[in-house]
Amino acid sequence: MEILLISNTEDEGKRLDLFVSQNSQLSRNSVQILREDNQITVNGKPAGKSYKLKAGDNVVVCIPPPKETEVKAQNIPLDIYYEDSDVLVVNKPKGMVVHPANGNEDGTLVNALLYHCKDSLSGINGQIRPGIVHRIDKDTSGLLLVAKNDFAHEKLSVQFKDHNITRVYNAIVYGYLKNDEGDIDAPIGRDKNDRKKFCVTNLNSKNAFTHYKALEKLSDFTLIEARLKTGRTHQIRVHMQSIGHPLAGDPVYGPRNVIRELEGQALHAGVLGFIHPRSGQYLEFSSPWRTQFQKFYDKHKLR
């Protein structure tokens, strides 16, 4: 894949790696690696390490296809709520990564699925993400839907695209909400100052919609329900921060004084509903809060 970027007068004198990372979804480290591999050219020539941009420069970034490594099956217990020959609903624990990535090559949900399902997983998302139709963050617990064949994967993907999947989350957020119920319709994209974070922005963003509802006031916190119409990365965390109510325990979008006892954001994917890809029957499942969430709720519940 190639990305073509053209600098303007505002970019005059800017470092190449900064310019490319600000105008793409690449980190500066990734940009530097691509430049060292001669995958970035300026006006048709490989870019030098110290090159500073001039107005009107044509920058071409060539991104090679990802190299997929073999993912090993691991005998990791799974909390399975439903399974048949087409789909599987699993309750992911807090702290488990969904699929292998740098720094998390094993111990993931995919490693566990490969052991449990053997060869019965869809291959649409490749070797790294077999069967994975959607994801939740490492420190978010709750229900995930897995496709065991390509037929099921394609049918379920259409439901996600058409917003026909029921996804209800519980979260504990800072403070008391001005409105007990409301919609957040705000696009989400990468933070230009920190490529690992996301934010509400109109720059290189995708539409995102969250409906929230206050369920109970706690001491200094509120228990809420969040229903997703879209499924952007960190969507609930970013949207709630954007209205001044970040999630308790969130080390990325919350206050600097992180609540360590939660071991990550207080967020649980508690309800998952979908139309079965083969039978056409609507199925819905719910799971209780996990230990850290329950303990924190009990501690801050108003007596």
C-alpha atoms as a PDB file:
ATOM      1  CA  MET A   1       0.000   0.000   0.000  1.00  0.00           C
ATOM      2  CA  GLU A   2       1.237   3.492  -0.847  1.00  0.00           C
ATOM      3  CA  ILE A   3       0.390   6.784   0.842  1.00  0.00           C
ATOM      4  CA  LEU A   4       0.956  10.025  -1.086  1.00  0.00           C
ATOM      5  CA  LEU A   5       1.409  13.178   0.983  1.00  0.00           C
ATOM      6  CA  ILE A   6       2.069  16.690  -0.341  1.00  0.00           C
ATOM      7  CA  SER A   7       3.568  19.279   1.998  1.00  0.00           C
ATOM      8  CA  ASN A   8       2.433  22.903   2.081  1.00  0.00           C
ATOM      9  CA  THR A   9       3.901  26.136   3.369  1.00  0.00           C
ATOM     10  CA  GLU A  10       2.931  25.305   6.953  1.00  0.00           C
ATOM     11  CA  ASP A  11       5.126  22.181   6.759  1.00  0.00           C
ATOM     12  CA  GLU A  12       8.252  24.088   5.655  1.00  0.00           C
ATOM     13  CA  GLY A  13      11.258  22.963   7.719  1.00  0.00           C
ATOM     14  CA  LYS A  14       9.361  20.183   9.493  1.00  0.00           C
ATOM     15  CA  ARG A  15      11.051  16.835  10.166  1.00  0.00           C
ATOM     16  CA  LEU A  16       9.965  14.145   7.727  1.00  0.00           C
ATOM     17  CA  ASP A  17       9.034  11.574  10.402  1.00  0.00           C
ATOM     18  CA  LEU A  18       6.861  14.125  12.232  1.00  0.00           C
ATOM     19  CA  PHE A  19       5.120  15.195   9.010  1.00  0.00           C
ATOM     20  CA  VAL A  20       4.322  11.623   7.970  1.00  0.00           C
ATOM     21  CA  SER A  21       3.106  10.530  11.426  1.00  0.00           C
ATOM     22  CA  GLN A  22       0.855  13.616  11.716  1.00  0.00           C
ATOM     23  CA  ASN A  23      -0.744  12.920   8.356  1.00  0.00           C
ATOM     24  CA  SER A  24      -1.138   9.147   8.580  1.00  0.00           C
ATOM     25  CA  GLN A  25      -1.918   6.496  11.174  1.00  0.00           C
ATOM     26  CA  LEU A  26       1.757   5.579  11.551  1.00  0.00           C
ATOM     27  CA  SER A  27       3.815   6.155  14.691  1.00  0.00           C
ATOM     28  CA  ARG A  28       7.061   8.100  14.385  1.00  0.00           C
ATOM     29  CA  ASN A  29       8.970   4.928  15.228  1.00  0.00           C
ATOM     30  CA  SER A  30       7.225   3.088  12.370  1.00  0.00           C
ATOM     31  CA  VAL A  31       8.007   5.976  10.029  1.00  0.00           C
ATOM     32  CA  GLN A  32      11.690   5.857  10.983  1.00  0.00           C
ATOM     33  CA  ILE A  33      11.837   2.109  10.326  1.00  0.00           C
ATOM     34  CA  LEU A  34      10.198   2.566   6.915  1.00  0.00           C
ATOM     35  CA  ARG A  35      12.634   5.355   6.047  1.00  0.00           C
ATOM     36  CA  GLU A  36      15.621   3.195   7.039  1.00  0.00           C
ATOM     37  CA  ASP A  37      14.245   0.465   4.739  1.00  0.00           C
ATOM     38  CA  ASN A  38      14.026   3.008   1.873  1.00  0.00           C
ATOM     39  CA  GLN A  39      10.231   2.762   1.877  1.00  0.00           C
ATOM     40  CA  ILE A  40       9.798   6.560   1.969  1.00  0.00           C
ATOM     41  CA  THR A  41      10.732   8.803  -0.938  1.00  0.00           C
ATOM     42  CA  VAL A  42      10.634  12.564  -1.333  1.00  0.00           C
ATOM     43  CA  ASN A  43      10.182  13.779  -4.892  1.00  0.00           C
ATOM     44  CA  GLY A  44      11.078  10.313  -6.151  1.00  0.00           C
ATOM     45  CA  LYS A  45      14.303   9.892  -4.135  1.00  0.00           C
ATOM     46  CA  PRO A  46      14.936   7.979  -0.873  1.00  0.00           C
ATOM     47  CA  ALA A  47      14.586  10.311   2.104  1.00  0.00           C
ATOM     48  CA  GLY A  48      17.684  11.154   4.113  1.00  0.00           C
ATOM     49  CA  LYS A  49      17.687  10.944   7.894  1.00  0.00           C
ATOM     50  CA  SER A  50      17.941  14.715   8.427  1.00  0.00           C
ATOM     51  CA  TYR A  51      15.723  15.845   5.562  1.00  0.00           C
ATOM     52  CA  LYS A  52      13.571  18.894   6.325  1.00  0.00           C
ATOM     53  CA  LEU A  53      10.472  19.468   4.224  1.00  0.00           C
ATOM     54  CA  LYS A  54       9.959  22.149   1.617  1.00  0.00           C
ATOM     55  CA  ALA A  55       6.569  23.353   0.431  1.00  0.00           C
ATOM     56  CA  GLY A  56       5.238  21.207  -2.403  1.00  0.00           C
ATOM     57  CA  ASP A  57       7.322  18.118  -1.619  1.00  0.00           C
ATOM     58  CA  ASN A  58       5.761  14.871  -2.831  1.00  0.00           C
ATOM     59  CA  VAL A  59       6.213  12.267  -0.093  1.00  0.00           C
ATOM     60  CA  VAL A  60       5.419   8.647  -0.936  1.00  0.00           C
ATOM     61  CA  VAL A  61       5.226   6.095   1.888  1.00  0.00           C
ATOM     62  CA  CYS A  62       5.255   2.450   0.829  1.00  0.00           C
ATOM     63  CA  ILE A  63       3.805   0.164   3.509  1.00  0.00           C
ATOM     64  CA  PRO A  64       4.661  -3.494   2.867  1.00  0.00           C
ATOM     65  CA  PRO A  65       2.063  -6.152   3.713  1.00  0.00           C
ATOM     66  CA  PRO A  66       2.313  -7.369   7.321  1.00  0.00           C
ATOM     67  CA  LYS A  67       4.395 -10.442   7.947  1.00  0.00           C
ATOM     68  CA  GLU A  68       2.230 -12.945   9.739  1.00  0.00           C
ATOM     69  CA  THR A  69       3.935 -15.408  12.012  1.00  0.00           C
ATOM     70  CA  GLU A  70       2.637 -18.782  13.038  1.00  0.00           C
ATOM     71  CA  VAL A  71       0.398 -18.560  16.078  1.00  0.00           C
ATOM     72  CA  LYS A  72       0.591 -21.526  18.403  1.00  0.00           C
ATOM     73  CA  ALA A  73      -2.365 -23.196  20.084  1.00  0.00           C
ATOM     74  CA  GLN A  74      -2.285 -23.030  23.885  1.00  0.00           C
ATOM     75  CA  ASN A  75      -4.358 -24.909  26.425  1.00  0.00           C
ATOM     76  CA  ILE A  76      -5.831 -21.868  28.174  1.00  0.00           C
ATOM     77  CA  PRO A  77      -9.238 -22.276  29.877  1.00  0.00           C
ATOM     78  CA  LEU A  78     -12.115 -20.463  28.194  1.00  0.00           C
ATOM     79  CA  ASP A  79     -15.367 -19.295  29.792  1.00  0.00           C
ATOM     80  CA  ILE A  80     -17.714 -20.318  26.970  1.00  0.00           C
ATOM     81  CA  TYR A  81     -21.325 -19.117  27.090  1.00  0.00           C
ATOM     82  CA  TYR A  82     -22.478 -20.645  23.803  1.00  0.00           C
ATOM     83  CA  GLU A  83     -21.019 -22.774  21.029  1.00  0.00           C
ATOM     84  CA  ASP A  84     -22.209 -24.567  17.904  1.00  0.00           C
ATOM     85  CA  SER A  85     -20.658 -25.372  14.527  1.00  0.00           C
ATOM     86  CA  ASP A  86     -20.858 -21.729  13.370  1.00  0.00           C
ATOM     87  CA  VAL A  87     -20.301 -19.424  16.323  1.00  0.00           C
ATOM     88  CA  LEU A  88     -18.860 -19.244  19.803  1.00  0.00           C
ATOM     89  CA  VAL A  89     -19.584 -16.708  22.548  1.00  0.00           C
ATOM     90  CA  VAL A  90     -16.800 -16.401  25.101  1.00  0.00           C
ATOM     91  CA  ASN A  91     -16.503 -14.341  28.280  1.00  0.00           C
ATOM     92  CA  LYS A  92     -13.034 -12.740  28.121  1.00  0.00           C
ATOM     93  CA  PRO A  93     -11.341 -12.054  31.451  1.00  0.00           C
ATOM     94  CA  LYS A  94      -9.741  -8.732  32.296  1.00  0.00           C
ATOM     95  CA  GLY A  95      -6.054  -8.684  31.344  1.00  0.00           C
ATOM     96  CA  MET A  96      -6.299 -11.055  28.375  1.00  0.00           C
ATOM     97  CA  VAL A  97      -5.286  -9.700  24.963  1.00  0.00           C
ATOM     98  CA  VAL A  98      -7.587 -10.741  22.107  1.00  0.00           C
ATOM     99  CA  HIS A  99      -4.971 -11.536  19.443  1.00  0.00           C
ATOM    100  CA  PRO A 100      -1.156 -11.718  19.250  1.00  0.00           C
ATOM    101  CA  ALA A 101       0.808  -8.506  18.656  1.00  0.00           C
ATOM    102  CA  ASN A 102       4.224  -7.119  19.517  1.00  0.00           C
ATOM    103  CA  GLY A 103       4.794  -7.737  23.208  1.00  0.00           C
ATOM    104  CA  ASN A 104       1.873 -10.183  23.408  1.00  0.00           C
ATOM    105  CA  GLU A 105       2.871 -13.097  21.208  1.00  0.00           C
ATOM    106  CA  ASP A 106       1.100 -15.734  23.284  1.00  0.00           C
ATOM    107  CA  GLY A 107      -1.389 -16.152  26.118  1.00  0.00           C
ATOM    108  CA  THR A 108      -4.051 -14.419  24.015  1.00  0.00           C
ATOM    109  CA  LEU A 109      -7.646 -15.347  23.317  1.00  0.00           C
ATOM    110  CA  VAL A 110      -6.632 -16.460  19.810  1.00  0.00           C
ATOM    111  CA  ASN A 111      -4.037 -18.869  21.247  1.00  0.00           C
ATOM    112  CA  ALA A 112      -6.762 -20.345  23.447  1.00  0.00           C
ATOM    113  CA  LEU A 113      -9.279 -20.534  20.571  1.00  0.00           C
ATOM    114  CA  LEU A 114      -6.818 -22.362  18.333  1.00  0.00           C
ATOM    115  CA  TYR A 115      -6.425 -25.057  20.983  1.00  0.00           C
ATOM    116  CA  HIS A 116     -10.159 -25.319  21.697  1.00  0.00           C
ATOM    117  CA  CYS A 117     -11.484 -25.115  18.123  1.00  0.00           C
ATOM    118  CA  LYS A 118      -8.585 -26.769  16.268  1.00  0.00           C
ATOM    119  CA  ASP A 119      -9.160 -25.973  12.577  1.00  0.00           C
ATOM    120  CA  SER A 120     -12.727 -24.714  13.064  1.00  0.00           C
ATOM    121  CA  LEU A 121     -12.163 -20.954  12.900  1.00  0.00           C
ATOM    122  CA  SER A 122     -12.829 -18.504  10.074  1.00  0.00           C
ATOM    123  CA  GLY A 123      -9.790 -17.398   8.093  1.00  0.00           C
ATOM    124  CA  ILE A 124     -11.089 -14.063   6.828  1.00  0.00           C
ATOM    125  CA  ASN A 125      -8.967 -11.965   9.199  1.00  0.00           C
ATOM    126  CA  GLY A 126      -5.820 -13.965   8.552  1.00  0.00           C
ATOM    127  CA  GLN A 127      -3.537 -16.123  10.633  1.00  0.00           C
ATOM    128  CA  ILE A 128      -3.149 -13.606  13.465  1.00  0.00           C
ATOM    129  CA  ARG A 129      -6.885 -13.065  14.010  1.00  0.00           C
ATOM    130  CA  PRO A 130      -8.667 -16.309  13.091  1.00  0.00           C
ATOM    131  CA  GLY A 131     -12.350 -16.191  14.007  1.00  0.00           C
ATOM    132  CA  ILE A 132     -12.161 -12.676  15.429  1.00  0.00           C
ATOM    133  CA  VAL A 133     -15.179 -10.634  14.331  1.00  0.00           C
ATOM    134  CA  HIS A 134     -14.770  -7.816  16.878  1.00  0.00           C
ATOM    135  CA  ARG A 135     -12.492  -6.989  19.799  1.00  0.00           C
ATOM    136  CA  ILE A 136     -12.498  -5.470  23.264  1.00  0.00           C
ATOM    137  CA  ASP A 137      -9.514  -3.938  25.042  1.00  0.00           C
ATOM    138  CA  LYS A 138      -7.108  -6.017  27.094  1.00  0.00           C
ATOM    139  CA  ASP A 139      -8.361  -4.589  30.400  1.00  0.00           C
ATOM    140  CA  THR A 140     -12.043  -4.709  29.431  1.00  0.00           C
ATOM    141  CA  SER A 141     -13.827  -7.897  30.454  1.00  0.00           C
ATOM    142  CA  GLY A 142     -16.902  -9.453  28.922  1.00  0.00           C
ATOM    143  CA  LEU A 143     -18.546 -11.138  25.976  1.00  0.00           C
ATOM    144  CA  LEU A 144     -17.000 -11.644  22.549  1.00  0.00           C
ATOM    145  CA  LEU A 145     -18.428 -13.267  19.433  1.00  0.00           C
ATOM    146  CA  VAL A 146     -16.233 -15.663  17.445  1.00  0.00           C
ATOM    147  CA  ALA A 147     -16.883 -17.030  13.932  1.00  0.00           C
ATOM    148  CA  LYS A 148     -15.972 -20.670  13.348  1.00  0.00           C
ATOM    149  CA  ASN A 149     -16.170 -20.507   9.553  1.00  0.00           C
ATOM    150  CA  ASP A 150     -16.094 -17.920   6.767  1.00  0.00           C
ATOM    151  CA  PHE A 151     -19.842 -18.174   6.120  1.00  0.00           C
ATOM    152  CA  ALA A 152     -20.600 -17.162   9.706  1.00  0.00           C
ATOM    153  CA  HIS A 153     -17.916 -14.471   9.692  1.00  0.00           C
ATOM    154  CA  GLU A 154     -19.306 -12.767   6.591  1.00  0.00           C
ATOM    155  CA  LYS A 155     -22.882 -12.838   7.918  1.00  0.00           C
ATOM    156  CA  LEU A 156     -21.863 -11.463  11.307  1.00  0.00           C
ATOM    157  CA  SER A 157     -19.679  -8.759   9.748  1.00  0.00           C
ATOM    158  CA  VAL A 158     -22.712  -7.476   7.859  1.00  0.00           C
ATOM    159  CA  GLN A 159     -24.643  -7.267  11.139  1.00  0.00           C
ATOM    160  CA  PHE A 160     -21.845  -5.241  12.705  1.00  0.00           C
ATOM    161  CA  LYS A 161     -21.676  -2.969   9.649  1.00  0.00           C
ATOM    162  CA  ASP A 162     -25.446  -2.441   9.732  1.00  0.00           C
ATOM    163  CA  HIS A 163     -25.400  -1.837  13.529  1.00  0.00           C
ATOM    164  CA  ASN A 164     -27.659  -4.827  14.185  1.00  0.00           C
ATOM    165  CA  ILE A 165     -25.525  -6.300  16.980  1.00  0.00           C
ATOM    166  CA  THR A 166     -26.637  -5.615  20.561  1.00  0.00           C
ATOM    167  CA  ARG A 167     -23.685  -4.528  22.693  1.00  0.00           C
ATOM    168  CA  VAL A 168     -24.310  -3.209  26.194  1.00  0.00           C
ATOM    169  CA  TYR A 169     -21.462  -2.242  28.501  1.00  0.00           C
ATOM    170  CA  ASN A 170     -21.345  -1.250  32.151  1.00  0.00           C
ATOM    171  CA  ALA A 171     -18.786   1.301  33.283  1.00  0.00           C
ATOM    172  CA  ILE A 172     -17.980   3.328  36.374  1.00  0.00           C
ATOM    173  CA  VAL A 173     -17.125   6.930  35.533  1.00  0.00           C
ATOM    174  CA  TYR A 174     -15.867   9.888  37.524  1.00  0.00           C
ATOM    175  CA  GLY A 175     -18.405  12.357  38.877  1.00  0.00           C
ATOM    176  CA  TYR A 176     -22.137  12.806  38.371  1.00  0.00           C
ATOM    177  CA  LEU A 177     -23.572  13.305  34.894  1.00  0.00           C
ATOM    178  CA  LYS A 178     -25.437  16.513  34.084  1.00  0.00           C
ATOM    179  CA  ASN A 179     -27.939  14.519  32.024  1.00  0.00           C
ATOM    180  CA  ASP A 180     -28.882  11.035  33.197  1.00  0.00           C
ATOM    181  CA  GLU A 181     -29.183   9.851  29.614  1.00  0.00           C
ATOM    182  CA  GLY A 182     -27.838  11.035  26.287  1.00  0.00           C
ATOM    183  CA  ASP A 183     -26.083  10.382  23.001  1.00  0.00           C
ATOM    184  CA  ILE A 184     -22.492  11.103  22.077  1.00  0.00           C
ATOM    185  CA  ASP A 185     -22.238  11.428  18.301  1.00  0.00           C
ATOM    186  CA  ALA A 186     -18.619  12.460  17.784  1.00  0.00           C
ATOM    187  CA  PRO A 187     -15.971  11.184  15.326  1.00  0.00           C
ATOM    188  CA  ILE A 188     -12.905   9.414  16.695  1.00  0.00           C
ATOM    189  CA  GLY A 189      -9.381   9.414  15.273  1.00  0.00           C
ATOM    190  CA  ARG A 190      -5.812   9.097  16.460  1.00  0.00           C
ATOM    191  CA  ASP A 191      -4.405  11.757  18.744  1.00  0.00           C
ATOM    192  CA  LYS A 192      -1.870  13.731  16.662  1.00  0.00           C
ATOM    193  CA  ASN A 193       0.346  14.187  19.735  1.00  0.00           C
ATOM    194  CA  ASP A 194       0.269  10.545  20.861  1.00  0.00           C
ATOM    195  CA  ARG A 195      -0.299   7.917  18.180  1.00  0.00           C
ATOM    196  CA  LYS A 196      -1.191   5.271  20.784  1.00  0.00           C
ATOM    197  CA  LYS A 197      -4.198   7.301  21.922  1.00  0.00           C
ATOM    198  CA  PHE A 198      -7.472   8.244  20.273  1.00  0.00           C
ATOM    199  CA  CYS A 199      -9.562  11.377  20.630  1.00  0.00           C
ATOM    200  CA  VAL A 200     -12.657  13.138  19.366  1.00  0.00           C
ATOM    201  CA  THR A 201     -11.494  14.856  16.176  1.00  0.00           C
ATOM    202  CA  ASN A 202     -12.546  15.688  12.654  1.00  0.00           C
ATOM    203  CA  LEU A 203      -9.052  14.917  11.318  1.00  0.00           C
ATOM    204  CA  ASN A 204      -8.670  11.475   9.685  1.00  0.00           C
ATOM    205  CA  SER A 205     -11.505  10.188  11.868  1.00  0.00           C
ATOM    206  CA  LYS A 206     -14.454   7.816  11.670  1.00  0.00           C
ATOM    207  CA  ASN A 207     -17.974   8.466  12.900  1.00  0.00           C
ATOM    208  CA  ALA A 208     -18.724   7.073  16.349  1.00  0.00           C
ATOM    209  CA  PHE A 209     -21.995   6.884  18.284  1.00  0.00           C
ATOM    210  CA  THR A 210     -22.507   5.939  21.939  1.00  0.00           C
ATOM    211  CA  HIS A 211     -25.730   6.058  23.955  1.00  0.00           C
ATOM    212  CA  TYR A 212     -25.168   6.327  27.705  1.00  0.00           C
ATOM    213  CA  LYS A 213     -27.498   6.073  30.685  1.00  0.00           C
ATOM    214  CA  ALA A 214     -26.774   6.713  34.360  1.00  0.00           C
ATOM    215  CA  LEU A 215     -27.843   3.703  36.431  1.00  0.00           C
ATOM    216  CA  GLU A 216     -26.728   4.636  39.947  1.00  0.00           C
ATOM    217  CA  LYS A 217     -24.840   7.372  41.743  1.00  0.00           C
ATOM    218  CA  LEU A 218     -21.913   6.137  43.820  1.00  0.00           C
ATOM    219  CA  SER A 219     -19.627   8.105  46.114  1.00  0.00           C
ATOM    220  CA  ASP A 220     -17.838  10.453  43.648  1.00  0.00           C
ATOM    221  CA  PHE A 221     -18.621   8.098  40.748  1.00  0.00           C
ATOM    222  CA  THR A 222     -21.555   6.992  38.590  1.00  0.00           C
ATOM    223  CA  LEU A 223     -22.417   3.517  37.344  1.00  0.00           C
ATOM    224  CA  ILE A 224     -23.519   3.822  33.725  1.00  0.00           C
ATOM    225  CA  GLU A 225     -24.771   1.684  30.863  1.00  0.00           C
ATOM    226  CA  ALA A 226     -23.325   2.332  27.395  1.00  0.00           C
ATOM    227  CA  ARG A 227     -24.794   1.007  24.153  1.00  0.00           C
ATOM    228  CA  LEU A 228     -22.663   1.058  21.020  1.00  0.00           C
ATOM    229  CA  LYS A 229     -23.919   1.744  17.520  1.00  0.00           C
ATOM    230  CA  THR A 230     -20.370   1.822  16.145  1.00  0.00           C
ATOM    231  CA  GLY A 231     -17.286  -0.007  17.366  1.00  0.00           C
ATOM    232  CA  ARG A 232     -14.264   2.277  17.245  1.00  0.00           C
ATOM    233  CA  THR A 233     -11.087   1.580  19.189  1.00  0.00           C
ATOM    234  CA  HIS A 234     -11.428   2.842  22.799  1.00  0.00           C
ATOM    235  CA  GLN A 235     -14.827   4.306  21.862  1.00  0.00           C
ATOM    236  CA  ILE A 236     -16.525   4.365  25.284  1.00  0.00           C
ATOM    237  CA  ARG A 237     -13.338   5.476  27.014  1.00  0.00           C
ATOM    238  CA  VAL A 238     -12.775   8.357  24.566  1.00  0.00           C
ATOM    239  CA  HIS A 239     -16.415   9.446  24.410  1.00  0.00           C
ATOM    240  CA  MET A 240     -16.902   9.536  28.183  1.00  0.00           C
ATOM    241  CA  GLN A 241     -13.647  11.465  28.620  1.00  0.00           C
ATOM    242  CA  SER A 242     -14.829  13.933  25.977  1.00  0.00           C
ATOM    243  CA  ILE A 243     -17.838  14.914  28.119  1.00  0.00           C
ATOM    244  CA  GLY A 244     -15.770  15.185  31.292  1.00  0.00           C
ATOM    245  CA  HIS A 245     -16.452  11.772  32.816  1.00  0.00           C
ATOM    246  CA  PRO A 246     -13.501   9.420  32.159  1.00  0.00           C
ATOM    247  CA  LEU A 247     -13.670   5.821  33.321  1.00  0.00           C
ATOM    248  CA  ALA A 248     -12.393   4.948  36.776  1.00  0.00           C
ATOM    249  CA  GLY A 249      -9.065   3.142  36.597  1.00  0.00           C
ATOM    250  CA  ASP A 250      -8.337   4.173  32.998  1.00  0.00           C
ATOM    251  CA  PRO A 251      -4.541   4.656  32.753  1.00  0.00           C
ATOM    252  CA  VAL A 252      -4.746   6.329  29.328  1.00  0.00           C
ATOM    253  CA  TYR A 253      -7.776   8.623  29.377  1.00  0.00           C
ATOM    254  CA  GLY A 254      -8.302   9.090  33.100  1.00  0.00           C
ATOM    255  CA  PRO A 255      -6.571  11.288  35.701  1.00  0.00           C
ATOM    256  CA  ARG A 256      -2.860  10.841  36.342  1.00  0.00           C
ATOM    257  CA  ASN A 257      -3.627   9.477  39.797  1.00  0.00           C
ATOM    258  CA  VAL A 258      -4.798   6.105  38.460  1.00  0.00           C
ATOM    259  CA  ILE A 259      -6.943   3.856  40.666  1.00  0.00           C
ATOM    260  CA  ARG A 260      -4.614   0.863  40.801  1.00  0.00           C
ATOM    261  CA  GLU A 261      -6.995  -1.515  42.552  1.00  0.00           C
ATOM    262  CA  LEU A 262      -9.130  -1.716  39.377  1.00  0.00           C
ATOM    263  CA  GLU A 263      -6.170  -2.993  37.311  1.00  0.00           C
ATOM    264  CA  GLY A 264      -7.385  -1.018  34.302  1.00  0.00           C
ATOM    265  CA  GLN A 265     -10.564   0.779  33.270  1.00  0.00           C
ATOM    266  CA  ALA A 266     -13.854  -0.170  34.968  1.00  0.00           C
ATOM    267  CA  LEU A 267     -15.543  -1.440  31.823  1.00  0.00           C
ATOM    268  CA  HIS A 268     -17.430  -4.688  31.234  1.00  0.00           C
ATOM    269  CA  ALA A 269     -19.109  -5.941  28.053  1.00  0.00           C
ATOM    270  CA  GLY A 270     -22.112  -7.425  29.804  1.00  0.00           C
ATOM    271  CA  VAL A 271     -24.680  -8.046  27.036  1.00  0.00           C
ATOM    272  CA  LEU A 272     -24.171  -9.393  23.523  1.00  0.00           C
ATOM    273  CA  GLY A 273     -26.996 -10.120  21.102  1.00  0.00           C
ATOM    274  CA  PHE A 274     -26.962 -11.143  17.436  1.00  0.00           C
ATOM    275  CA  ILE A 275     -28.932 -12.957  14.743  1.00  0.00           C
ATOM    276  CA  HIS A 276     -27.524 -16.451  14.273  1.00  0.00           C
ATOM    277  CA  PRO A 277     -25.879 -16.515  10.814  1.00  0.00           C
ATOM    278  CA  ARG A 278     -27.434 -19.839   9.812  1.00  0.00           C
ATOM    279  CA  SER A 279     -30.705 -20.254  11.715  1.00  0.00           C
ATOM    280  CA  GLY A 280     -31.755 -16.595  11.662  1.00  0.00           C
ATOM    281  CA  GLN A 281     -32.699 -16.834  15.353  1.00  0.00           C
ATOM    282  CA  TYR A 282     -31.880 -13.894  17.629  1.00  0.00           C
ATOM    283  CA  LEU A 283     -29.602 -14.915  20.504  1.00  0.00           C
ATOM    284  CA  GLU A 284     -28.662 -12.776  23.486  1.00  0.00           C
ATOM    285  CA  PHE A 285     -26.289 -13.455  26.359  1.00  0.00           C
ATOM    286  CA  SER A 286     -25.321 -11.593  29.513  1.00  0.00           C
ATOM    287  CA  SER A 287     -22.448 -11.974  31.963  1.00  0.00           C
ATOM    288  CA  PRO A 288     -21.960 -10.613  35.492  1.00  0.00           C
ATOM    289  CA  TRP A 289     -19.321  -8.078  36.476  1.00  0.00           C
ATOM    290  CA  ARG A 290     -15.849  -9.344  37.161  1.00  0.00           C
ATOM    291  CA  THR A 291     -14.180  -9.278  40.593  1.00  0.00           C
ATOM    292  CA  GLN A 292     -12.379  -5.904  40.459  1.00  0.00           C
ATOM    293  CA  PHE A 293     -15.461  -4.144  39.082  1.00  0.00           C
ATOM    294  CA  GLN A 294     -17.753  -5.676  41.723  1.00  0.00           C
ATOM    295  CA  LYS A 295     -15.400  -4.867  44.616  1.00  0.00           C
ATOM    296  CA  PHE A 296     -15.027  -1.250  43.507  1.00  0.00           C
ATOM    297  CA  TYR A 297     -18.797  -0.894  43.092  1.00  0.00           C
ATOM    298  CA  ASP A 298     -19.401  -2.351  46.583  1.00  0.00           C
ATOM    299  CA  LYS A 299     -16.788  -0.030  48.090  1.00  0.00           C
ATOM    300  CA  HIS A 300     -18.360   3.140  46.613  1.00  0.00           C
ATOM    301  CA  LYS A 301     -22.027   2.216  46.812  1.00  0.00           C
ATOM    302  CA  LEU A 302     -24.038   4.793  48.731  1.00  0.00           C
ATOM    303  CA  ARG A 303     -25.486   3.324  51.924  1.00  0.00           C
END
